[in-house]
Each structure stands twice: as structure tokens, then as C-alpha cells.
Amino acid sequence: MPNDVQAAISNAPKPEALYGKLEDRILARDQKGASDVYYDLVRERRPLTEIVAEAVRIHAPYTHVPYHERIDDGFVNFVNNDHCLLSARATLNLTKLLPEELAGLPMAQTIWYIPTGLDIWNQKILKAPGHYARAPGWTPPPGPPPKPDVVWPDQQAEHLEGPLQERLDHWMTLVHRGNVLEAYRVFLGLMENPAE
């Protein structure tokens, strides 16, 4: 897998059609089709950071869930909605630990997993197929799977005043109160200052 310097030297334009096809296959929840497109990108020697950025762009709108907990039959059921994004992030470091001929494997695993990790909330309530759609005797209905839902629109960052710990405490309070949109705006504001 080429590094970013090699890709910059080649000056090859980003293959928009291939990334469009990758998006189509991921949103269709087609693991094999998404993997095939990924292998085409590797054969074109696209830089890993570009592939990761496109995978995150495709997945990110479907990462939000109505809330991070469900109460099912009286049991707290956490909604793990960010595992695909964490996997994509991990590939950047895992790749460095492998010989060059195997460097594409960590991202191959991520691309394989993303189609089954979309729209976790609807999976948990058996309205969509995927890794979390589990119930005794349940099978997805015939035909193509439903398109994943975008639960919350993207938000603008909200910047708070005060010491970092106070701002983090305020954010956590918003999370625990279920103030999803305000918590997300505050989170975006906190993340805009990497020095903290």
C-alpha cells in the first residue's frame, strides 16, 4: 500500500467513480461488493489516508443513534455505534506493523465490517439487517435491505467558556440527561481544540 508521499508524487486524481461505487456498495450493505471496490482502490495504489477518509465520509452520517442506551425487557442495552470508525482509525497504526505486501489487510477488515455496522439502532429493533440484528428465529425480510437512516443532522460546534474539566463535566451531564443534539454540539466544540 503506498504511503502518502508516493501517492502525491504520482499526482493521480482521486478516482471519484470508484469511491461512488464504494459508497453504493456500503449503503446496500454489500460486504463482498464493498471489498471488491476496496481491492480495486488498492490495485490503483490509492493512499491509505484517502481510503480511510472516504470510508469515514460514507459511514459517518449513519453513526448517530437516537440514544446510546436502550432498555429492552428491563435490561440496559448499550448501542455501540462507533466501532467501524474506530476500526478505520486503528488501520493507520496497524498498517505500519505489517510488511508492505500485507499492509492493506487492516483496512480490508474495516471495509468488510462497515456494511454490517450501519444503522445500529434499526438493527437492534430488527428493522435492518446487520451485525446487531439478532433474535431467535429472526431473518431479514426478502428483497434488498432498507437504506440506513440518518437519525440526527450534523451540527455546528458550540464553544463553552471555563476550565476544560468544567466543560467536560457539562458535556457528560448533557449526555446522561439525553440532550443528544446539545451534547453533540458541545462535543464538537471541545474537539476543535486538540491542545486540550
N, C-alpha and C. Protein backbone atom coordinates (compact mmCIF):
# COMPACT_ATOMS: atom_id res chain seq x y z
N MET A 1 0.86 -1.17 0.00
CA MET A 1 0.00 0.00 0.00
C MET A 1 0.90 1.23 0.00
N PRO A 2 0.70 2.17 -0.90
CA PRO A 2 1.61 3.31 -0.98
C PRO A 2 1.41 4.26 0.19
N ASN A 3 2.49 4.91 0.57
CA ASN A 3 2.32 5.95 1.58
C ASN A 3 1.87 7.24 0.89
N ASP A 4 1.57 8.25 1.69
CA ASP A 4 1.02 9.48 1.12
C ASP A 4 2.00 10.20 0.21
N VAL A 5 3.29 10.11 0.52
CA VAL A 5 4.29 10.76 -0.31
C VAL A 5 4.31 10.14 -1.70
N GLN A 6 4.29 8.80 -1.76
CA GLN A 6 4.27 8.12 -3.06
C GLN A 6 3.03 8.52 -3.85
N ALA A 7 1.89 8.60 -3.17
CA ALA A 7 0.66 8.97 -3.87
C ALA A 7 0.73 10.40 -4.38
N ALA A 8 1.31 11.29 -3.59
CA ALA A 8 1.42 12.69 -4.02
C ALA A 8 2.34 12.82 -5.22
N ILE A 9 3.39 12.02 -5.25
CA ILE A 9 4.32 12.06 -6.38
C ILE A 9 3.63 11.62 -7.66
N SER A 10 2.75 10.64 -7.57
CA SER A 10 2.09 10.13 -8.77
C SER A 10 1.11 11.15 -9.36
N ASN A 11 0.61 12.08 -8.52
CA ASN A 11 -0.35 13.10 -8.96
C ASN A 11 -1.58 12.50 -9.63
N ALA A 12 -1.91 11.28 -9.29
CA ALA A 12 -3.09 10.65 -9.86
C ALA A 12 -4.33 11.26 -9.22
N PRO A 13 -5.31 11.67 -10.02
CA PRO A 13 -6.53 12.24 -9.42
C PRO A 13 -7.29 11.18 -8.64
N LYS A 14 -8.03 11.64 -7.65
CA LYS A 14 -8.82 10.73 -6.83
C LYS A 14 -9.88 10.08 -7.72
N PRO A 15 -10.01 8.75 -7.67
CA PRO A 15 -10.98 8.05 -8.52
C PRO A 15 -12.40 8.18 -7.98
N GLU A 16 -13.04 9.30 -8.28
CA GLU A 16 -14.38 9.60 -7.75
C GLU A 16 -15.39 8.50 -8.09
N ALA A 17 -15.30 7.93 -9.29
CA ALA A 17 -16.25 6.89 -9.68
C ALA A 17 -16.11 5.66 -8.78
N LEU A 18 -14.87 5.30 -8.46
CA LEU A 18 -14.66 4.15 -7.58
C LEU A 18 -15.18 4.43 -6.18
N TYR A 19 -14.96 5.64 -5.68
CA TYR A 19 -15.48 5.97 -4.35
C TYR A 19 -17.00 6.04 -4.36
N GLY A 20 -17.58 6.47 -5.46
CA GLY A 20 -19.04 6.43 -5.59
C GLY A 20 -19.56 5.00 -5.55
N LYS A 21 -18.83 4.11 -6.22
CA LYS A 21 -19.22 2.69 -6.21
C LYS A 21 -19.05 2.10 -4.81
N LEU A 22 -17.98 2.49 -4.10
CA LEU A 22 -17.78 2.02 -2.73
C LEU A 22 -18.95 2.47 -1.85
N GLU A 23 -19.35 3.72 -1.98
CA GLU A 23 -20.49 4.22 -1.20
C GLU A 23 -21.75 3.44 -1.53
N ASP A 24 -22.00 3.20 -2.80
CA ASP A 24 -23.18 2.45 -3.21
C ASP A 24 -23.20 1.05 -2.58
N ARG A 25 -22.07 0.37 -2.61
CA ARG A 25 -21.99 -0.99 -2.08
C ARG A 25 -22.12 -1.01 -0.55
N ILE A 26 -21.53 -0.02 0.11
CA ILE A 26 -21.65 0.04 1.58
C ILE A 26 -23.10 0.30 1.97
N LEU A 27 -23.75 1.28 1.32
CA LEU A 27 -25.13 1.61 1.68
C LEU A 27 -26.10 0.50 1.31
N ALA A 28 -25.72 -0.35 0.34
CA ALA A 28 -26.54 -1.52 0.01
C ALA A 28 -26.25 -2.68 0.96
N ARG A 29 -25.34 -2.45 1.92
CA ARG A 29 -24.95 -3.46 2.91
C ARG A 29 -24.32 -4.69 2.25
N ASP A 30 -23.59 -4.44 1.18
CA ASP A 30 -22.97 -5.49 0.37
C ASP A 30 -21.49 -5.61 0.74
N GLN A 31 -21.20 -6.54 1.64
CA GLN A 31 -19.82 -6.70 2.10
C GLN A 31 -18.87 -7.09 0.98
N LYS A 32 -19.25 -8.07 0.18
CA LYS A 32 -18.36 -8.53 -0.88
C LYS A 32 -18.16 -7.44 -1.93
N GLY A 33 -19.23 -6.76 -2.31
CA GLY A 33 -19.12 -5.69 -3.30
C GLY A 33 -18.23 -4.56 -2.81
N ALA A 34 -18.39 -4.17 -1.53
CA ALA A 34 -17.54 -3.12 -0.96
C ALA A 34 -16.09 -3.57 -0.93
N SER A 35 -15.86 -4.83 -0.58
CA SER A 35 -14.49 -5.36 -0.56
C SER A 35 -13.88 -5.36 -1.95
N ASP A 36 -14.65 -5.74 -2.95
CA ASP A 36 -14.14 -5.74 -4.33
C ASP A 36 -13.69 -4.34 -4.75
N VAL A 37 -14.48 -3.33 -4.39
CA VAL A 37 -14.10 -1.95 -4.73
C VAL A 37 -12.83 -1.56 -3.97
N TYR A 38 -12.75 -1.96 -2.71
CA TYR A 38 -11.54 -1.66 -1.94
C TYR A 38 -10.31 -2.26 -2.61
N TYR A 39 -10.42 -3.49 -3.07
CA TYR A 39 -9.26 -4.13 -3.73
C TYR A 39 -8.90 -3.38 -5.01
N ASP A 40 -9.91 -2.85 -5.72
CA ASP A 40 -9.62 -2.02 -6.90
C ASP A 40 -8.84 -0.76 -6.51
N LEU A 41 -9.21 -0.16 -5.38
CA LEU A 41 -8.50 1.03 -4.90
C LEU A 41 -7.06 0.69 -4.53
N VAL A 42 -6.86 -0.46 -3.91
CA VAL A 42 -5.50 -0.89 -3.55
C VAL A 42 -4.69 -1.13 -4.82
N ARG A 43 -5.30 -1.77 -5.81
CA ARG A 43 -4.59 -2.01 -7.07
C ARG A 43 -4.21 -0.70 -7.76
N GLU A 44 -5.02 0.33 -7.56
CA GLU A 44 -4.69 1.66 -8.11
C GLU A 44 -3.69 2.40 -7.24
N ARG A 45 -3.26 1.76 -6.16
CA ARG A 45 -2.26 2.31 -5.24
C ARG A 45 -2.71 3.63 -4.61
N ARG A 46 -3.99 3.68 -4.23
CA ARG A 46 -4.51 4.87 -3.56
C ARG A 46 -3.95 4.91 -2.14
N PRO A 47 -3.66 6.10 -1.61
CA PRO A 47 -3.10 6.19 -0.26
C PRO A 47 -4.12 5.79 0.80
N LEU A 48 -3.62 5.15 1.84
CA LEU A 48 -4.48 4.68 2.92
C LEU A 48 -5.28 5.82 3.54
N THR A 49 -4.65 6.96 3.77
CA THR A 49 -5.38 8.06 4.40
C THR A 49 -6.56 8.52 3.54
N GLU A 50 -6.42 8.45 2.24
CA GLU A 50 -7.53 8.82 1.34
C GLU A 50 -8.66 7.80 1.47
N ILE A 51 -8.31 6.52 1.49
CA ILE A 51 -9.33 5.47 1.60
C ILE A 51 -10.04 5.56 2.95
N VAL A 52 -9.28 5.78 4.03
CA VAL A 52 -9.88 5.92 5.36
C VAL A 52 -10.82 7.13 5.37
N ALA A 53 -10.38 8.25 4.82
CA ALA A 53 -11.22 9.46 4.80
C ALA A 53 -12.53 9.21 4.06
N GLU A 54 -12.47 8.51 2.94
CA GLU A 54 -13.69 8.22 2.18
C GLU A 54 -14.59 7.24 2.93
N ALA A 55 -14.01 6.24 3.57
CA ALA A 55 -14.82 5.29 4.35
C ALA A 55 -15.53 6.01 5.50
N VAL A 56 -14.82 6.90 6.16
CA VAL A 56 -15.43 7.67 7.26
C VAL A 56 -16.52 8.60 6.72
N ARG A 57 -16.26 9.25 5.59
CA ARG A 57 -17.28 10.12 4.97
C ARG A 57 -18.56 9.35 4.68
N ILE A 58 -18.41 8.13 4.17
CA ILE A 58 -19.57 7.31 3.83
C ILE A 58 -20.31 6.86 5.09
N HIS A 59 -19.57 6.42 6.09
CA HIS A 59 -20.17 5.84 7.29
C HIS A 59 -20.70 6.89 8.27
N ALA A 60 -20.04 8.03 8.37
CA ALA A 60 -20.32 8.99 9.44
C ALA A 60 -21.78 9.42 9.56
N PRO A 61 -22.51 9.70 8.48
CA PRO A 61 -23.90 10.15 8.67
C PRO A 61 -24.79 9.11 9.35
N TYR A 62 -24.39 7.86 9.32
CA TYR A 62 -25.21 6.78 9.87
C TYR A 62 -24.70 6.32 11.23
N THR A 63 -23.75 7.07 11.79
CA THR A 63 -23.17 6.71 13.08
C THR A 63 -24.06 7.14 14.23
N HIS A 64 -24.72 8.28 14.09
CA HIS A 64 -25.57 8.77 15.17
C HIS A 64 -26.72 7.81 15.40
N VAL A 65 -27.11 7.68 16.66
CA VAL A 65 -28.26 6.86 17.04
C VAL A 65 -29.19 7.75 17.86
N PRO A 66 -30.47 7.37 18.01
CA PRO A 66 -31.35 8.21 18.81
C PRO A 66 -30.83 8.42 20.23
N TYR A 67 -30.21 7.39 20.79
CA TYR A 67 -29.63 7.48 22.12
C TYR A 67 -28.66 6.32 22.28
N HIS A 68 -27.72 6.44 23.20
CA HIS A 68 -26.68 5.41 23.33
C HIS A 68 -27.08 4.26 24.24
N GLU A 69 -28.28 4.28 24.76
CA GLU A 69 -28.79 3.18 25.57
C GLU A 69 -30.21 2.88 25.14
N ARG A 70 -30.56 1.61 25.22
CA ARG A 70 -31.95 1.18 25.07
C ARG A 70 -32.28 0.38 26.32
N ILE A 71 -33.52 0.37 26.69
CA ILE A 71 -33.96 -0.51 27.77
C ILE A 71 -34.83 -1.56 27.11
N ASP A 72 -34.32 -2.77 27.02
CA ASP A 72 -35.03 -3.88 26.38
C ASP A 72 -35.36 -4.92 27.42
N ASP A 73 -36.65 -5.16 27.63
CA ASP A 73 -37.12 -6.12 28.64
C ASP A 73 -36.52 -5.83 30.01
N GLY A 74 -36.36 -4.55 30.33
CA GLY A 74 -35.84 -4.16 31.63
C GLY A 74 -34.33 -4.15 31.75
N PHE A 75 -33.62 -4.55 30.70
CA PHE A 75 -32.16 -4.59 30.73
C PHE A 75 -31.59 -3.42 29.93
N VAL A 76 -30.55 -2.80 30.50
CA VAL A 76 -29.86 -1.74 29.78
C VAL A 76 -29.10 -2.37 28.62
N ASN A 77 -29.30 -1.83 27.44
CA ASN A 77 -28.67 -2.35 26.22
C ASN A 77 -27.94 -1.18 25.57
N PHE A 78 -26.61 -1.19 25.68
CA PHE A 78 -25.84 -0.09 25.10
C PHE A 78 -25.77 -0.22 23.59
N VAL A 79 -25.80 0.90 22.92
CA VAL A 79 -25.79 0.94 21.46
C VAL A 79 -24.39 1.35 21.02
N ASN A 80 -23.60 0.37 20.61
CA ASN A 80 -22.20 0.58 20.22
C ASN A 80 -22.18 1.03 18.77
N ASN A 81 -22.18 2.34 18.55
CA ASN A 81 -22.37 2.84 17.20
C ASN A 81 -21.10 3.28 16.49
N ASP A 82 -19.96 3.24 17.15
CA ASP A 82 -18.78 3.83 16.53
C ASP A 82 -17.68 2.82 16.21
N HIS A 83 -17.98 1.54 16.29
CA HIS A 83 -16.93 0.52 16.13
C HIS A 83 -16.28 0.55 14.75
N CYS A 84 -17.03 0.84 13.71
CA CYS A 84 -16.43 0.88 12.36
C CYS A 84 -15.46 2.05 12.23
N LEU A 85 -15.82 3.19 12.81
CA LEU A 85 -14.93 4.34 12.76
C LEU A 85 -13.66 4.07 13.56
N LEU A 86 -13.79 3.39 14.69
CA LEU A 86 -12.61 3.05 15.49
C LEU A 86 -11.72 2.08 14.73
N SER A 87 -12.32 1.15 14.02
CA SER A 87 -11.55 0.20 13.22
C SER A 87 -10.78 0.93 12.12
N ALA A 88 -11.42 1.89 11.48
CA ALA A 88 -10.74 2.66 10.42
C ALA A 88 -9.55 3.42 10.99
N ARG A 89 -9.75 4.00 12.16
CA ARG A 89 -8.65 4.73 12.80
C ARG A 89 -7.49 3.79 13.14
N ALA A 90 -7.81 2.61 13.63
CA ALA A 90 -6.76 1.66 14.02
C ALA A 90 -5.92 1.20 12.82
N THR A 91 -6.52 1.19 11.64
CA THR A 91 -5.76 0.72 10.47
C THR A 91 -4.53 1.58 10.21
N LEU A 92 -4.61 2.86 10.54
CA LEU A 92 -3.48 3.76 10.29
C LEU A 92 -2.23 3.32 11.04
N ASN A 93 -2.40 2.79 12.24
CA ASN A 93 -1.25 2.30 13.01
C ASN A 93 -0.94 0.83 12.72
N LEU A 94 -1.96 0.02 12.55
CA LEU A 94 -1.73 -1.41 12.29
C LEU A 94 -0.94 -1.61 11.00
N THR A 95 -1.22 -0.81 10.00
CA THR A 95 -0.54 -0.92 8.72
C THR A 95 0.97 -0.79 8.87
N LYS A 96 1.40 0.06 9.78
CA LYS A 96 2.84 0.28 9.99
C LYS A 96 3.54 -0.95 10.57
N LEU A 97 2.78 -1.86 11.16
CA LEU A 97 3.36 -3.04 11.79
C LEU A 97 3.49 -4.22 10.84
N LEU A 98 2.98 -4.07 9.62
CA LEU A 98 2.95 -5.18 8.67
C LEU A 98 3.92 -4.95 7.53
N PRO A 99 4.38 -6.06 6.91
CA PRO A 99 5.18 -5.90 5.69
C PRO A 99 4.32 -5.22 4.61
N GLU A 100 4.96 -4.53 3.68
CA GLU A 100 4.23 -3.76 2.68
C GLU A 100 3.20 -4.60 1.93
N GLU A 101 3.53 -5.85 1.60
CA GLU A 101 2.60 -6.68 0.83
C GLU A 101 1.35 -7.05 1.63
N LEU A 102 1.37 -6.87 2.95
CA LEU A 102 0.19 -7.17 3.78
C LEU A 102 -0.45 -5.91 4.37
N ALA A 103 0.08 -4.76 4.02
CA ALA A 103 -0.34 -3.51 4.66
C ALA A 103 -1.80 -3.16 4.39
N GLY A 104 -2.41 -3.72 3.36
CA GLY A 104 -3.81 -3.42 3.07
C GLY A 104 -4.80 -4.24 3.88
N LEU A 105 -4.33 -5.23 4.64
CA LEU A 105 -5.25 -6.11 5.36
C LEU A 105 -6.07 -5.42 6.46
N PRO A 106 -5.48 -4.55 7.30
CA PRO A 106 -6.33 -3.93 8.32
C PRO A 106 -7.51 -3.15 7.74
N MET A 107 -7.28 -2.41 6.66
CA MET A 107 -8.39 -1.67 6.06
C MET A 107 -9.35 -2.61 5.35
N ALA A 108 -8.86 -3.73 4.85
CA ALA A 108 -9.75 -4.72 4.23
C ALA A 108 -10.77 -5.21 5.27
N GLN A 109 -10.30 -5.43 6.50
CA GLN A 109 -11.21 -5.87 7.57
C GLN A 109 -12.23 -4.78 7.87
N THR A 110 -11.78 -3.53 7.91
CA THR A 110 -12.69 -2.42 8.18
C THR A 110 -13.76 -2.31 7.09
N ILE A 111 -13.34 -2.36 5.84
CA ILE A 111 -14.29 -2.26 4.72
C ILE A 111 -15.28 -3.42 4.75
N TRP A 112 -14.82 -4.60 5.12
CA TRP A 112 -15.71 -5.77 5.21
C TRP A 112 -16.77 -5.54 6.29
N TYR A 113 -16.39 -4.88 7.37
CA TYR A 113 -17.28 -4.72 8.52
C TYR A 113 -18.26 -3.56 8.38
N ILE A 114 -17.88 -2.50 7.69
CA ILE A 114 -18.73 -1.30 7.64
C ILE A 114 -20.16 -1.60 7.15
N PRO A 115 -20.38 -2.36 6.07
CA PRO A 115 -21.76 -2.58 5.63
C PRO A 115 -22.65 -3.26 6.69
N THR A 116 -22.05 -4.06 7.58
CA THR A 116 -22.86 -4.71 8.62
C THR A 116 -22.97 -3.85 9.87
N GLY A 117 -22.26 -2.72 9.91
CA GLY A 117 -22.26 -1.88 11.09
C GLY A 117 -23.07 -0.61 10.93
N LEU A 118 -23.74 -0.43 9.80
CA LEU A 118 -24.54 0.77 9.58
C LEU A 118 -25.84 0.71 10.36
N ASP A 119 -26.30 1.85 10.83
CA ASP A 119 -27.66 1.98 11.35
C ASP A 119 -27.93 1.00 12.48
N ILE A 120 -27.09 1.07 13.52
CA ILE A 120 -27.16 0.12 14.63
C ILE A 120 -28.52 0.12 15.31
N TRP A 121 -29.12 1.28 15.49
CA TRP A 121 -30.41 1.35 16.19
C TRP A 121 -31.45 0.48 15.50
N ASN A 122 -31.59 0.64 14.18
CA ASN A 122 -32.59 -0.15 13.46
C ASN A 122 -32.23 -1.63 13.44
N GLN A 123 -30.95 -1.96 13.51
CA GLN A 123 -30.58 -3.37 13.64
C GLN A 123 -31.09 -3.92 14.97
N LYS A 124 -30.89 -3.18 16.04
CA LYS A 124 -31.27 -3.67 17.37
C LYS A 124 -32.79 -3.85 17.50
N ILE A 125 -33.56 -3.07 16.75
CA ILE A 125 -35.02 -3.24 16.81
C ILE A 125 -35.53 -4.05 15.62
N LEU A 126 -34.61 -4.74 14.95
CA LEU A 126 -34.92 -5.69 13.86
C LEU A 126 -35.63 -5.05 12.68
N LYS A 127 -35.26 -3.81 12.37
CA LYS A 127 -35.78 -3.15 11.18
C LYS A 127 -34.75 -3.12 10.06
N ALA A 128 -33.54 -3.60 10.35
CA ALA A 128 -32.47 -3.60 9.35
C ALA A 128 -31.54 -4.78 9.62
N PRO A 129 -30.97 -5.34 8.57
CA PRO A 129 -30.03 -6.44 8.77
C PRO A 129 -28.68 -5.91 9.23
N GLY A 130 -27.89 -6.78 9.80
CA GLY A 130 -26.54 -6.40 10.18
C GLY A 130 -26.06 -7.17 11.38
N HIS A 131 -24.90 -6.79 11.85
CA HIS A 131 -24.22 -7.49 12.92
C HIS A 131 -25.05 -7.56 14.20
N TYR A 132 -25.84 -6.53 14.50
CA TYR A 132 -26.58 -6.47 15.76
C TYR A 132 -28.04 -6.91 15.63
N ALA A 133 -28.46 -7.31 14.46
CA ALA A 133 -29.85 -7.75 14.26
C ALA A 133 -29.94 -9.22 14.65
N ARG A 134 -30.16 -9.45 15.94
CA ARG A 134 -30.20 -10.82 16.45
C ARG A 134 -31.43 -11.03 17.31
N ALA A 135 -32.15 -12.07 17.01
CA ALA A 135 -33.27 -12.51 17.83
C ALA A 135 -33.56 -13.95 17.42
N PRO A 136 -33.96 -14.78 18.36
CA PRO A 136 -34.25 -16.17 17.99
C PRO A 136 -35.27 -16.25 16.87
N GLY A 137 -34.91 -16.90 15.78
CA GLY A 137 -35.81 -17.12 14.67
C GLY A 137 -35.96 -15.96 13.71
N TRP A 138 -35.32 -14.81 13.97
CA TRP A 138 -35.48 -13.66 13.10
C TRP A 138 -34.59 -13.78 11.88
N THR A 139 -35.16 -13.51 10.72
CA THR A 139 -34.38 -13.40 9.49
C THR A 139 -34.83 -12.13 8.78
N PRO A 140 -33.93 -11.50 8.04
CA PRO A 140 -34.33 -10.28 7.33
C PRO A 140 -35.41 -10.59 6.30
N PRO A 141 -36.31 -9.65 6.06
CA PRO A 141 -37.32 -9.87 5.03
C PRO A 141 -36.66 -10.02 3.66
N PRO A 142 -37.33 -10.67 2.72
CA PRO A 142 -36.75 -10.83 1.39
C PRO A 142 -36.61 -9.48 0.68
N GLY A 143 -35.74 -9.46 -0.29
CA GLY A 143 -35.53 -8.24 -1.07
C GLY A 143 -34.35 -7.44 -0.54
N PRO A 144 -34.09 -6.32 -1.19
CA PRO A 144 -32.95 -5.51 -0.77
C PRO A 144 -33.19 -4.93 0.63
N PRO A 145 -32.13 -4.74 1.38
CA PRO A 145 -32.29 -4.17 2.72
C PRO A 145 -32.69 -2.71 2.63
N PRO A 146 -33.33 -2.19 3.68
CA PRO A 146 -33.69 -0.77 3.67
C PRO A 146 -32.44 0.10 3.71
N LYS A 147 -32.56 1.29 3.17
CA LYS A 147 -31.46 2.25 3.26
C LYS A 147 -31.25 2.59 4.74
N PRO A 148 -30.01 2.82 5.15
CA PRO A 148 -29.78 3.20 6.54
C PRO A 148 -30.38 4.58 6.83
N ASP A 149 -30.75 4.80 8.07
CA ASP A 149 -31.35 6.07 8.49
C ASP A 149 -30.28 7.04 8.98
N VAL A 150 -30.45 8.31 8.63
CA VAL A 150 -29.68 9.38 9.25
C VAL A 150 -30.57 9.90 10.37
N VAL A 151 -30.21 9.62 11.61
CA VAL A 151 -31.06 9.93 12.75
C VAL A 151 -30.99 11.40 13.14
N TRP A 152 -29.78 11.94 13.20
CA TRP A 152 -29.60 13.33 13.59
C TRP A 152 -28.84 14.07 12.50
N PRO A 153 -29.27 15.28 12.17
CA PRO A 153 -28.49 16.07 11.20
C PRO A 153 -27.18 16.51 11.85
N ASP A 154 -26.19 16.79 11.02
CA ASP A 154 -24.93 17.28 11.56
C ASP A 154 -25.17 18.62 12.24
N GLN A 155 -24.30 18.99 13.14
CA GLN A 155 -24.48 20.18 13.96
C GLN A 155 -23.26 21.09 13.88
N GLN A 156 -23.46 22.34 14.28
CA GLN A 156 -22.36 23.29 14.41
C GLN A 156 -21.79 23.18 15.82
N ALA A 157 -20.50 23.38 15.94
CA ALA A 157 -19.83 23.30 17.25
C ALA A 157 -20.35 24.39 18.18
N GLU A 158 -20.49 24.04 19.45
CA GLU A 158 -20.84 25.00 20.50
C GLU A 158 -19.63 25.13 21.42
N HIS A 159 -19.16 26.34 21.59
CA HIS A 159 -17.96 26.59 22.39
C HIS A 159 -18.37 27.08 23.78
N LEU A 160 -17.88 26.42 24.80
CA LEU A 160 -18.17 26.79 26.18
C LEU A 160 -16.99 27.55 26.76
N GLU A 161 -17.27 28.38 27.75
CA GLU A 161 -16.23 29.10 28.49
C GLU A 161 -15.90 28.30 29.75
N GLY A 162 -14.71 28.52 30.27
CA GLY A 162 -14.33 27.92 31.54
C GLY A 162 -13.24 26.88 31.39
N PRO A 163 -12.77 26.36 32.53
CA PRO A 163 -11.72 25.34 32.50
C PRO A 163 -12.19 24.06 31.79
N LEU A 164 -11.25 23.34 31.23
CA LEU A 164 -11.57 22.13 30.47
C LEU A 164 -12.39 21.15 31.30
N GLN A 165 -12.01 20.90 32.54
CA GLN A 165 -12.74 19.91 33.35
C GLN A 165 -14.20 20.30 33.52
N GLU A 166 -14.47 21.58 33.73
CA GLU A 166 -15.87 22.02 33.86
C GLU A 166 -16.63 21.81 32.56
N ARG A 167 -15.98 22.09 31.44
CA ARG A 167 -16.64 21.88 30.14
C ARG A 167 -16.91 20.40 29.89
N LEU A 168 -15.95 19.55 30.25
CA LEU A 168 -16.16 18.09 30.09
C LEU A 168 -17.29 17.62 30.99
N ASP A 169 -17.34 18.12 32.22
CA ASP A 169 -18.42 17.74 33.13
C ASP A 169 -19.78 18.17 32.58
N HIS A 170 -19.84 19.37 32.01
CA HIS A 170 -21.10 19.85 31.43
C HIS A 170 -21.51 18.94 30.26
N TRP A 171 -20.54 18.59 29.42
CA TRP A 171 -20.83 17.69 28.29
C TRP A 171 -21.37 16.36 28.80
N MET A 172 -20.71 15.77 29.81
CA MET A 172 -21.16 14.47 30.33
C MET A 172 -22.56 14.57 30.92
N THR A 173 -22.86 15.68 31.58
CA THR A 173 -24.21 15.88 32.12
C THR A 173 -25.23 15.89 30.99
N LEU A 174 -24.93 16.58 29.90
CA LEU A 174 -25.84 16.60 28.75
C LEU A 174 -26.05 15.20 28.20
N VAL A 175 -24.97 14.42 28.12
CA VAL A 175 -25.08 13.04 27.62
C VAL A 175 -26.01 12.24 28.51
N HIS A 176 -25.82 12.31 29.82
CA HIS A 176 -26.62 11.50 30.74
C HIS A 176 -28.06 11.97 30.85
N ARG A 177 -28.31 13.21 30.54
CA ARG A 177 -29.69 13.71 30.53
C ARG A 177 -30.40 13.37 29.23
N GLY A 178 -29.64 12.92 28.24
CA GLY A 178 -30.26 12.59 26.96
C GLY A 178 -30.42 13.79 26.05
N ASN A 179 -29.71 14.88 26.31
CA ASN A 179 -29.76 16.06 25.45
C ASN A 179 -28.81 15.84 24.27
N VAL A 180 -29.24 15.01 23.34
CA VAL A 180 -28.36 14.49 22.30
C VAL A 180 -27.76 15.59 21.43
N LEU A 181 -28.58 16.45 20.88
CA LEU A 181 -28.06 17.46 19.96
C LEU A 181 -27.15 18.47 20.65
N GLU A 182 -27.55 18.93 21.82
CA GLU A 182 -26.70 19.88 22.54
C GLU A 182 -25.39 19.21 22.96
N ALA A 183 -25.46 17.96 23.41
CA ALA A 183 -24.24 17.23 23.78
C ALA A 183 -23.31 17.10 22.58
N TYR A 184 -23.88 16.83 21.42
CA TYR A 184 -23.05 16.69 20.22
C TYR A 184 -22.40 18.02 19.85
N ARG A 185 -23.17 19.11 19.93
CA ARG A 185 -22.61 20.43 19.61
C ARG A 185 -21.46 20.78 20.57
N VAL A 186 -21.65 20.50 21.85
CA VAL A 186 -20.60 20.77 22.84
C VAL A 186 -19.39 19.88 22.57
N PHE A 187 -19.63 18.61 22.24
CA PHE A 187 -18.52 17.70 21.91
C PHE A 187 -17.71 18.25 20.74
N LEU A 188 -18.40 18.69 19.69
CA LEU A 188 -17.69 19.26 18.53
C LEU A 188 -16.85 20.46 18.94
N GLY A 189 -17.39 21.30 19.82
CA GLY A 189 -16.64 22.45 20.29
C GLY A 189 -15.41 22.04 21.09
N LEU A 190 -15.55 21.03 21.93
CA LEU A 190 -14.41 20.54 22.70
C LEU A 190 -13.32 19.97 21.79
N MET A 191 -13.74 19.28 20.74
CA MET A 191 -12.78 18.62 19.85
C MET A 191 -12.05 19.60 18.93
N GLU A 192 -12.52 20.83 18.83
CA GLU A 192 -11.86 21.80 17.96
C GLU A 192 -10.56 22.33 18.54
N ASN A 193 -10.28 22.00 19.80
CA ASN A 193 -9.03 22.45 20.42
C ASN A 193 -8.18 21.23 20.80
N PRO A 194 -7.40 20.70 19.85
CA PRO A 194 -6.63 19.48 20.13
C PRO A 194 -5.56 19.68 21.20
N ALA A 195 -5.17 20.92 21.48
CA ALA A 195 -4.16 21.16 22.50
C ALA A 195 -4.67 20.79 23.89
N GLU A 196 -5.99 20.80 24.06
CA GLU A 196 -6.55 20.44 25.36
C GLU A 196 -6.69 18.94 25.44
